[in-house]
Amino acid sequence: MAKAGKKGREDVFLECSECKNRNYRTSKSTRDATKKLAFKKYCEFCRKHTEHKEKKK
């Protein structure tokens, strides 16, 4: 039986809060997600760990 695929998932970009570059892409559930994603990740443009927040396409 084939897999269901990515139904109910939405692609989002993670944008650096300091330099505003979109460095990462991920997906999140459309049913369960009520808040925007925010992670502390490495930004190669700033050359340090900064908070990356969710932005739509």
N, C-alpha and C. Protein backbone atom coordinates (compact mmCIF):
# COMPACT_ATOMS: atom_id res chain seq x y z
N MET A 1 0.84 -1.18 0.00
CA MET A 1 0.00 0.00 0.00
C MET A 1 0.89 1.24 0.00
N ALA A 2 0.54 2.23 -0.78
CA ALA A 2 1.33 3.45 -0.92
C ALA A 2 1.16 4.35 0.31
N LYS A 3 2.18 5.14 0.55
CA LYS A 3 2.11 6.08 1.67
C LYS A 3 1.16 7.22 1.33
N ALA A 4 0.64 7.85 2.35
CA ALA A 4 -0.34 8.92 2.16
C ALA A 4 0.29 10.20 1.63
N GLY A 5 1.59 10.37 1.76
CA GLY A 5 2.24 11.59 1.30
C GLY A 5 2.29 12.63 2.40
N LYS A 6 2.33 13.87 2.02
CA LYS A 6 2.44 14.95 2.99
C LYS A 6 1.14 15.74 3.09
N LYS A 7 0.04 15.05 3.20
CA LYS A 7 -1.23 15.74 3.37
C LYS A 7 -1.27 16.36 4.76
N GLY A 8 -1.77 17.56 4.85
CA GLY A 8 -1.85 18.22 6.14
C GLY A 8 -0.54 18.86 6.57
N ARG A 9 0.43 18.95 5.66
CA ARG A 9 1.72 19.58 5.97
C ARG A 9 1.86 20.83 5.12
N GLU A 10 2.58 21.79 5.64
CA GLU A 10 2.76 23.06 4.97
C GLU A 10 4.24 23.42 5.00
N ASP A 11 4.80 23.82 3.86
CA ASP A 11 6.20 24.22 3.80
C ASP A 11 6.34 25.66 4.29
N VAL A 12 7.33 25.88 5.16
CA VAL A 12 7.61 27.21 5.68
C VAL A 12 9.11 27.45 5.64
N PHE A 13 9.50 28.71 5.61
CA PHE A 13 10.90 29.08 5.66
C PHE A 13 11.21 29.65 7.04
N LEU A 14 12.47 29.46 7.48
CA LEU A 14 12.92 30.05 8.73
C LEU A 14 13.83 31.22 8.38
N GLU A 15 13.48 32.39 8.88
CA GLU A 15 14.19 33.62 8.56
C GLU A 15 14.96 34.12 9.77
N CYS A 16 16.20 34.53 9.55
CA CYS A 16 17.03 35.06 10.63
C CYS A 16 16.42 36.36 11.14
N SER A 17 16.37 36.51 12.45
CA SER A 17 15.75 37.71 13.02
C SER A 17 16.66 38.93 12.93
N GLU A 18 17.95 38.73 12.68
CA GLU A 18 18.87 39.87 12.60
C GLU A 18 19.10 40.35 11.17
N CYS A 19 19.47 39.45 10.26
CA CYS A 19 19.80 39.87 8.90
C CYS A 19 18.67 39.62 7.90
N LYS A 20 17.59 38.97 8.32
CA LYS A 20 16.39 38.71 7.50
C LYS A 20 16.63 37.79 6.31
N ASN A 21 17.70 37.00 6.31
CA ASN A 21 17.91 36.01 5.26
C ASN A 21 17.15 34.74 5.61
N ARG A 22 16.59 34.11 4.59
CA ARG A 22 15.87 32.86 4.79
C ARG A 22 16.84 31.71 4.57
N ASN A 23 17.30 31.11 5.65
CA ASN A 23 18.37 30.13 5.61
C ASN A 23 17.88 28.68 5.62
N TYR A 24 16.73 28.42 6.18
CA TYR A 24 16.27 27.05 6.36
C TYR A 24 14.84 26.91 5.83
N ARG A 25 14.51 25.68 5.40
CA ARG A 25 13.15 25.35 4.97
C ARG A 25 12.72 24.11 5.74
N THR A 26 11.49 24.10 6.20
CA THR A 26 10.96 22.97 6.94
C THR A 26 9.46 22.87 6.66
N SER A 27 8.83 21.89 7.24
CA SER A 27 7.38 21.76 7.09
C SER A 27 6.77 21.61 8.47
N LYS A 28 5.50 21.99 8.56
CA LYS A 28 4.80 21.84 9.84
C LYS A 28 3.38 21.39 9.57
N SER A 29 2.76 20.83 10.57
CA SER A 29 1.41 20.33 10.46
C SER A 29 0.43 21.49 10.42
N THR A 30 -0.54 21.41 9.55
CA THR A 30 -1.54 22.47 9.47
C THR A 30 -2.64 22.28 10.51
N ARG A 31 -2.82 21.07 10.98
CA ARG A 31 -3.87 20.80 11.97
C ARG A 31 -3.43 21.20 13.37
N ASP A 32 -2.19 20.85 13.76
CA ASP A 32 -1.76 21.01 15.14
C ASP A 32 -1.09 22.34 15.42
N ALA A 33 -0.60 23.01 14.40
CA ALA A 33 0.19 24.22 14.61
C ALA A 33 -0.70 25.43 14.87
N THR A 34 -0.54 26.01 16.04
CA THR A 34 -1.27 27.23 16.36
C THR A 34 -0.32 28.42 16.48
N LYS A 35 0.93 28.14 16.85
CA LYS A 35 1.93 29.20 17.00
C LYS A 35 2.93 29.11 15.86
N LYS A 36 3.64 30.21 15.63
CA LYS A 36 4.69 30.21 14.62
C LYS A 36 5.92 29.55 15.20
N LEU A 37 6.67 28.87 14.33
CA LEU A 37 7.88 28.19 14.76
C LEU A 37 8.98 29.21 15.01
N ALA A 38 9.83 28.93 15.99
CA ALA A 38 11.00 29.76 16.27
C ALA A 38 12.08 28.85 16.84
N PHE A 39 13.25 28.86 16.20
CA PHE A 39 14.37 28.04 16.64
C PHE A 39 15.62 28.90 16.71
N LYS A 40 16.55 28.51 17.55
CA LYS A 40 17.85 29.16 17.59
C LYS A 40 18.78 28.32 16.73
N LYS A 41 19.15 28.85 15.55
CA LYS A 41 19.96 28.12 14.59
C LYS A 41 21.13 28.98 14.14
N TYR A 42 22.08 28.35 13.46
CA TYR A 42 23.26 29.04 12.98
C TYR A 42 22.95 29.78 11.68
N CYS A 43 23.32 31.05 11.61
CA CYS A 43 23.18 31.85 10.40
C CYS A 43 24.57 32.05 9.81
N GLU A 44 24.77 31.57 8.59
CA GLU A 44 26.10 31.67 7.97
C GLU A 44 26.41 33.09 7.51
N PHE A 45 25.40 33.94 7.38
CA PHE A 45 25.63 35.33 6.99
C PHE A 45 26.04 36.18 8.19
N CYS A 46 25.42 35.94 9.34
CA CYS A 46 25.79 36.64 10.58
C CYS A 46 26.98 35.98 11.26
N ARG A 47 27.23 34.70 10.92
CA ARG A 47 28.28 33.88 11.51
C ARG A 47 28.12 33.69 13.02
N LYS A 48 26.86 33.49 13.43
CA LYS A 48 26.59 33.19 14.83
C LYS A 48 25.21 32.56 14.95
N HIS A 49 24.89 32.07 16.12
CA HIS A 49 23.59 31.48 16.37
C HIS A 49 22.60 32.60 16.68
N THR A 50 21.52 32.63 15.91
CA THR A 50 20.47 33.64 16.11
C THR A 50 19.12 32.94 16.08
N GLU A 51 18.11 33.66 16.48
CA GLU A 51 16.76 33.10 16.44
C GLU A 51 16.23 33.20 15.02
N HIS A 52 15.69 32.10 14.54
CA HIS A 52 15.08 32.02 13.22
C HIS A 52 13.59 31.80 13.41
N LYS A 53 12.79 32.67 12.80
CA LYS A 53 11.33 32.60 12.94
C LYS A 53 10.70 32.19 11.62
N GLU A 54 9.53 31.63 11.74
CA GLU A 54 8.80 31.13 10.57
C GLU A 54 8.28 32.26 9.70
N LYS A 55 8.47 32.10 8.40
CA LYS A 55 7.90 33.00 7.39
C LYS A 55 7.29 32.14 6.31
N LYS A 56 6.18 32.57 5.76
CA LYS A 56 5.54 31.84 4.67
C LYS A 56 6.32 32.07 3.39
N LYS A 57 6.00 31.33 2.36
CA LYS A 57 6.65 31.48 1.06
C LYS A 57 6.43 32.82 0.52
